Structure formats: structure tokens, C-alpha cells
């Protein structure tokens, strides 16, 4: 268990929770489609498995094919959880499977669940450990990963949202806005049960590099992310 907490001794379990379902309309069995030589879920499972702050990695799936693929990874912290098929439908929420898992296990209230999404394979081990250190140092209730985007956003009724179009800033002068990249969230078991949400209370925002905004949603994303992985492999 993770014992070092900014000079304090604690006794809790940090669980990386990666929900992956077999059904995907856009890309069948997307979570085990090959990416840079390995199944997609391999990359986030590896990042979590190698993180110092993570005690256990849970891959929650309803698919025997995904389960067998994950078991072949041979990561020492990784376990498979048989997700209820009712929480693996197109309209099922991530929170529903998080709550299902928590309610079927024995946890301490202060144990932490790190929700990690397999569709964010640019997540690295060091990002997970740094995010947790920031979460602790800020004494936050929960945390999420974001990127700074310097895109200009508009509403459908023609209103600029995050800048004044009459005074268009130069990119180097524009602070941008924080955008969730969907890679990682941290919350305690107690908070998740209380609010039934991945986030709660005082939220720590961990900034990841801009390129990590890329996620796997469509077939072309595999091509884009493979190039990004190659470019940033030593980051």
C-alpha cells in the first residue's frame, strides 16, 4: 500500500479502475484493437501497473475476449472484474459500473478509486504519480486530468464563448481554457458512494501536455495516436 503522504503515514488502498466493455458501435471490440503493437487497453493498464501510488489495477469488462487478452498481459497488479452486463450497455454510465464494483467489494471509506479510461492511451505512469502527489498536497477531495487548449469556442447562436472576437488575442498571449482529457480521475470510495459521481467537493486539476487531449473514439484516431505515441515515447 502507498505509505508516503507528504510526510504523513497513512494506510489506504489506491485502486486503478479501467472499465472496458465488449460492445462498441463505432469500432467493434475497440478496447483490444491493436495500437502500436499492443491491444488498446494494454497502454493504460501498463501505465497504472507501473505507478508507485497504485496498489491494484482492476479491468472491469463484460467480454470474455477482453478478459483473456488482459490475462495475457501478466502485469503483477492487474486483476479482471466481471462487469454486470446491465452496466455494459450503450446507455450505461461509467459511474454505474464504478458503484457496482464498489458495492460488491470491501473497502475502507478513505480508499481511493483512480478512474482511468482505456481510450486515453497517452496516459503515462509519471502522470498518474504526479497527479496523486498534487491531489495530496492540495488536500483535495477529488481530482481530474485536463489539458490547456487555446482553441476559440463559439455557441450555435453565434456568440464567442472564451474570447472577445473584437480583440482577438495572439496565441502566445492567450491563456486558453482547461479541458478534460478523460484520462484519469481520483476520488475516495466514501465520496463516490455519497455523491454517485467521479468528482466531489474540492477538485484538484492536474494539467497534462496538450497532445494528451487525443482519445480513441473513431478509427482514424488510431492512426493519429500511434504517431503521437512515437513522437512522445520518451516524454
Protein backbone atom coordinates (compact mmCIF):
# COMPACT_ATOMS: atom_id res chain seq x y z
CA UNK A 1 0.00 0.00 0.00
CA UNK A 2 1.02 3.58 -0.63
CA UNK A 3 2.58 4.80 2.61
CA UNK A 4 4.19 8.14 1.80
CA UNK A 5 1.83 11.08 2.06
CA UNK A 6 3.79 14.34 2.19
CA UNK A 7 5.42 13.38 5.48
CA UNK A 8 2.38 11.62 6.96
CA UNK A 9 1.84 7.88 7.36
CA UNK A 10 -1.43 6.53 6.01
CA UNK A 11 -2.95 3.13 5.44
CA UNK A 12 -5.22 3.02 2.45
CA UNK A 13 -5.56 1.26 -0.87
CA UNK A 14 -5.33 3.02 -4.22
CA UNK A 15 -7.16 1.15 -6.95
CA UNK A 16 -6.89 1.96 -10.64
CA UNK A 17 -10.24 1.13 -12.21
CA UNK A 18 -10.38 0.72 -16.00
CA UNK A 19 -13.88 -0.04 -17.37
CA UNK A 20 -13.88 -1.67 -20.82
CA UNK A 21 -16.92 -3.20 -22.44
CA UNK A 22 -17.13 -5.53 -25.39
CA UNK A 23 -19.77 -3.61 -27.29
CA UNK A 24 -18.76 -0.63 -29.43
CA UNK A 25 -20.78 0.58 -32.38
CA UNK A 26 -18.05 2.70 -33.99
CA UNK A 27 -15.20 0.18 -33.56
CA UNK A 28 -16.08 -3.44 -32.64
CA UNK A 29 -14.01 -4.66 -29.66
CA UNK A 30 -12.26 -1.29 -29.71
CA UNK A 31 -10.55 -1.81 -26.37
CA UNK A 32 -8.44 -4.71 -27.66
CA UNK A 33 -7.85 -3.40 -31.18
CA UNK A 34 -4.12 -3.23 -31.83
CA UNK A 35 -2.39 0.09 -31.24
CA UNK A 36 1.37 0.41 -31.72
CA UNK A 37 1.78 -3.34 -31.43
CA UNK A 38 -0.44 -3.97 -28.39
CA UNK A 39 -4.18 -4.07 -27.60
CA UNK A 40 -5.54 -0.62 -26.76
CA UNK A 41 -6.24 -1.36 -23.07
CA UNK A 42 -2.64 -2.56 -22.62
CA UNK A 43 -1.32 1.00 -22.58
CA UNK A 44 -3.37 2.34 -19.67
CA UNK A 45 -3.08 -0.98 -17.81
CA UNK A 46 0.71 -0.73 -18.09
CA UNK A 47 0.77 2.92 -17.01
CA UNK A 48 -1.31 2.12 -13.91
CA UNK A 49 0.54 -1.10 -13.13
CA UNK A 50 3.86 0.75 -13.05
CA UNK A 51 2.64 3.69 -10.96
CA UNK A 52 4.13 3.80 -7.46
CA UNK A 53 0.90 5.10 -5.96
CA UNK A 54 -1.29 2.30 -7.35
CA UNK A 55 -1.79 -0.87 -5.30
CA UNK A 56 -4.16 -2.73 -7.59
CA UNK A 57 -5.41 -2.37 -11.19
CA UNK A 58 -8.93 -3.56 -11.98
CA UNK A 59 -10.03 -4.12 -15.58
CA UNK A 60 -13.84 -4.25 -15.48
CA UNK A 61 -15.30 -5.98 -18.52
CA UNK A 62 -18.28 -7.98 -19.73
CA UNK A 63 -16.30 -9.60 -22.57
CA UNK A 64 -14.56 -12.98 -22.35
CA UNK A 65 -12.36 -11.98 -25.27
CA UNK A 66 -11.18 -8.85 -23.47
CA UNK A 67 -10.75 -10.81 -20.23
CA UNK A 68 -8.50 -13.40 -21.91
CA UNK A 69 -6.48 -10.67 -23.62
CA UNK A 70 -5.90 -8.84 -20.34
CA UNK A 71 -4.84 -12.01 -18.52
CA UNK A 72 -2.10 -12.48 -21.09
CA UNK A 73 -0.52 -9.13 -20.14
CA UNK A 74 0.95 -10.73 -17.00
CA UNK A 75 1.05 -7.44 -15.09
CA UNK A 76 1.53 -8.12 -11.39
CA UNK A 77 -1.08 -5.63 -10.15
CA UNK A 78 -3.78 -6.30 -12.76
CA UNK A 79 -6.98 -8.22 -11.99
CA UNK A 80 -10.13 -8.71 -14.05
CA UNK A 81 -13.57 -7.86 -12.66
CA UNK A 82 -16.64 -9.41 -14.32
CA UNK A 83 -18.81 -6.42 -15.01
CA UNK A 84 -22.58 -6.86 -14.89
CA UNK A 85 -23.90 -6.90 -18.50
CA UNK A 86 -26.65 -4.49 -17.39
CA UNK A 87 -23.90 -1.91 -16.76
CA UNK A 88 -22.24 -2.52 -20.12
CA UNK A 89 -24.95 -1.21 -22.42
CA UNK A 90 -24.75 1.73 -24.82
CA UNK A 91 -26.59 3.93 -22.33
CA UNK A 92 -24.77 2.68 -19.22
CA UNK A 93 -22.80 5.31 -17.35
CA UNK A 94 -19.24 4.94 -16.11
CA UNK A 95 -20.49 5.85 -12.64
CA UNK A 96 -22.90 2.90 -12.70
CA UNK A 97 -20.11 0.36 -13.10
CA UNK A 98 -17.93 2.18 -10.55
CA UNK A 99 -20.74 1.93 -8.00
CA UNK A 100 -21.41 -1.70 -8.91
CA UNK A 101 -17.76 -2.56 -8.29
CA UNK A 102 -17.55 -0.65 -5.00
CA UNK A 103 -20.75 -2.16 -3.66
CA UNK A 104 -19.53 -5.70 -4.36
CA UNK A 105 -16.15 -5.27 -2.65
CA UNK A 106 -14.90 -4.48 0.84
CA UNK A 107 -13.27 -1.08 1.06
CA UNK A 108 -12.32 1.47 3.67
CA UNK A 109 -14.02 4.83 3.22
CA UNK A 110 -10.68 6.51 2.57
CA UNK A 111 -9.56 4.10 -0.14
CA UNK A 112 -9.21 5.85 -3.49
CA UNK A 113 -10.52 4.85 -6.89
CA UNK A 114 -8.49 6.11 -9.86
CA UNK A 115 -10.87 6.03 -12.81
CA UNK A 116 -8.70 5.53 -15.89
CA UNK A 117 -10.15 5.33 -19.40
CA UNK A 118 -8.59 2.92 -21.88
CA UNK A 119 -9.40 5.32 -24.70
CA UNK A 120 -6.67 7.64 -23.38
CA UNK A 121 -3.56 5.56 -24.19
CA UNK A 122 -1.28 8.62 -24.00
CA UNK A 123 -1.58 8.49 -20.20
CA UNK A 124 1.84 7.74 -18.71
CA UNK A 125 2.90 6.32 -15.36
CA UNK A 126 4.53 9.56 -14.26
CA UNK A 127 1.32 11.49 -14.91
CA UNK A 128 -0.57 9.20 -12.53
CA UNK A 129 2.02 9.54 -9.77
CA UNK A 130 2.33 13.32 -10.22
CA UNK A 131 -1.44 13.72 -10.22
CA UNK A 132 -1.72 11.81 -6.95
CA UNK A 133 1.04 13.87 -5.32
CA UNK A 134 -0.77 17.06 -6.34
CA UNK A 135 -4.08 15.66 -5.07
CA UNK A 136 -2.47 15.00 -1.69
CA UNK A 137 -0.56 18.28 -1.46
CA UNK A 138 -3.70 20.30 -2.26
CA UNK A 139 -5.71 18.26 0.28
CA UNK A 140 -8.37 17.86 -2.37
CA UNK A 141 -11.49 15.70 -2.21
CA UNK A 142 -11.12 14.54 -5.81
CA UNK A 143 -9.05 15.22 -8.92
CA UNK A 144 -9.18 15.17 -12.69
CA UNK A 145 -6.71 15.47 -15.55
CA UNK A 146 -7.01 18.30 -18.05
CA UNK A 147 -5.12 19.96 -20.88
CA UNK A 148 -4.89 23.65 -21.71
CA UNK A 149 -6.49 24.29 -25.07
CA UNK A 150 -6.07 27.53 -26.97
CA UNK A 151 -8.93 26.95 -29.37
CA UNK A 152 -11.62 29.60 -29.70
CA UNK A 153 -15.11 28.33 -28.88
CA UNK A 154 -18.49 29.55 -30.13
CA UNK A 155 -22.12 28.82 -29.34
CA UNK A 156 -24.56 27.81 -32.05
CA UNK A 157 -26.26 31.19 -31.84
CA UNK A 158 -23.07 32.97 -32.91
CA UNK A 159 -21.66 34.07 -29.54
CA UNK A 160 -17.97 33.73 -28.74
CA UNK A 161 -17.54 31.78 -25.52
CA UNK A 162 -13.96 32.08 -24.33
CA UNK A 163 -12.61 35.22 -26.04
CA UNK A 164 -13.60 38.61 -27.39
CA UNK A 165 -13.64 38.32 -31.19
CA UNK A 166 -13.33 42.11 -31.46
CA UNK A 167 -9.98 41.83 -29.66
CA UNK A 168 -8.66 38.53 -30.95
CA UNK A 169 -5.62 37.62 -28.82
CA UNK A 170 -2.41 36.24 -30.24
CA UNK A 171 -1.88 32.59 -29.32
CA UNK A 172 1.15 33.43 -27.17
CA UNK A 173 -0.94 35.97 -25.22
CA UNK A 174 -4.00 33.73 -24.83
CA UNK A 175 -4.16 31.77 -21.57
CA UNK A 176 -6.62 29.31 -23.07
CA UNK A 177 -9.09 27.19 -21.13
CA UNK A 178 -8.81 23.91 -19.27
CA UNK A 179 -10.45 20.94 -20.95
CA UNK A 180 -10.95 17.45 -19.54
CA UNK A 181 -8.89 14.93 -21.46
CA UNK A 182 -10.72 11.96 -19.92
CA UNK A 183 -7.52 10.18 -18.91
CA UNK A 184 -7.69 9.99 -15.11
CA UNK A 185 -9.91 10.91 -12.17
CA UNK A 186 -9.32 10.33 -8.45
CA UNK A 187 -12.00 10.14 -5.77
CA UNK A 188 -12.41 8.32 -2.47
CA UNK A 189 -14.79 5.41 -2.06
CA UNK A 190 -16.67 7.42 0.56
CA UNK A 191 -17.21 10.35 -1.81
CA UNK A 192 -18.27 8.18 -4.74
CA UNK A 193 -20.88 6.43 -2.61
CA UNK A 194 -22.08 9.77 -1.25
CA UNK A 195 -22.45 11.71 -4.50
CA UNK A 196 -22.53 8.84 -7.05
CA UNK A 197 -20.07 10.75 -9.19
CA UNK A 198 -16.40 10.51 -10.16
CA UNK A 199 -15.82 14.03 -8.78
CA UNK A 200 -16.74 15.69 -5.50
CA UNK A 201 -16.01 18.68 -3.29
CA UNK A 202 -12.66 20.45 -3.64
CA UNK A 203 -11.32 19.34 -7.03
CA UNK A 204 -7.63 19.27 -7.92
CA UNK A 205 -6.92 19.93 -11.61
CA UNK A 206 -3.82 18.18 -12.90
CA UNK A 207 -2.52 19.59 -16.19
CA UNK A 208 -1.24 17.11 -18.74
CA UNK A 209 0.52 18.03 -22.02
CA UNK A 210 -1.72 19.30 -24.81
CA UNK A 211 -1.12 16.26 -27.03
CA UNK A 212 -2.81 14.02 -24.43
CA UNK A 213 -6.16 15.52 -25.40
CA UNK A 214 -6.27 12.91 -28.19
CA UNK A 215 -8.60 10.00 -27.42
CA UNK A 216 -9.68 6.86 -29.27
CA UNK A 217 -13.26 7.33 -30.46
CA UNK A 218 -13.12 6.78 -34.22
CA UNK A 219 -10.99 4.55 -36.48
CA UNK A 220 -8.78 7.44 -37.65
CA UNK A 221 -7.83 8.14 -34.02
CA UNK A 222 -5.67 5.01 -34.01
CA UNK A 223 -3.54 6.46 -36.81
CA UNK A 224 -3.21 9.85 -35.10
CA UNK A 225 -2.39 8.43 -31.67
CA UNK A 226 0.19 5.97 -32.99
CA UNK A 227 2.08 8.95 -34.44
CA UNK A 228 1.77 10.85 -31.16
CA UNK A 229 2.98 7.84 -29.17
CA UNK A 230 6.01 7.54 -31.42
CA UNK A 231 6.81 11.24 -31.09
CA UNK A 232 6.35 11.43 -27.31
CA UNK A 233 7.59 7.97 -26.24
CA UNK A 234 10.43 9.48 -24.18
CA UNK A 235 8.46 12.29 -22.52
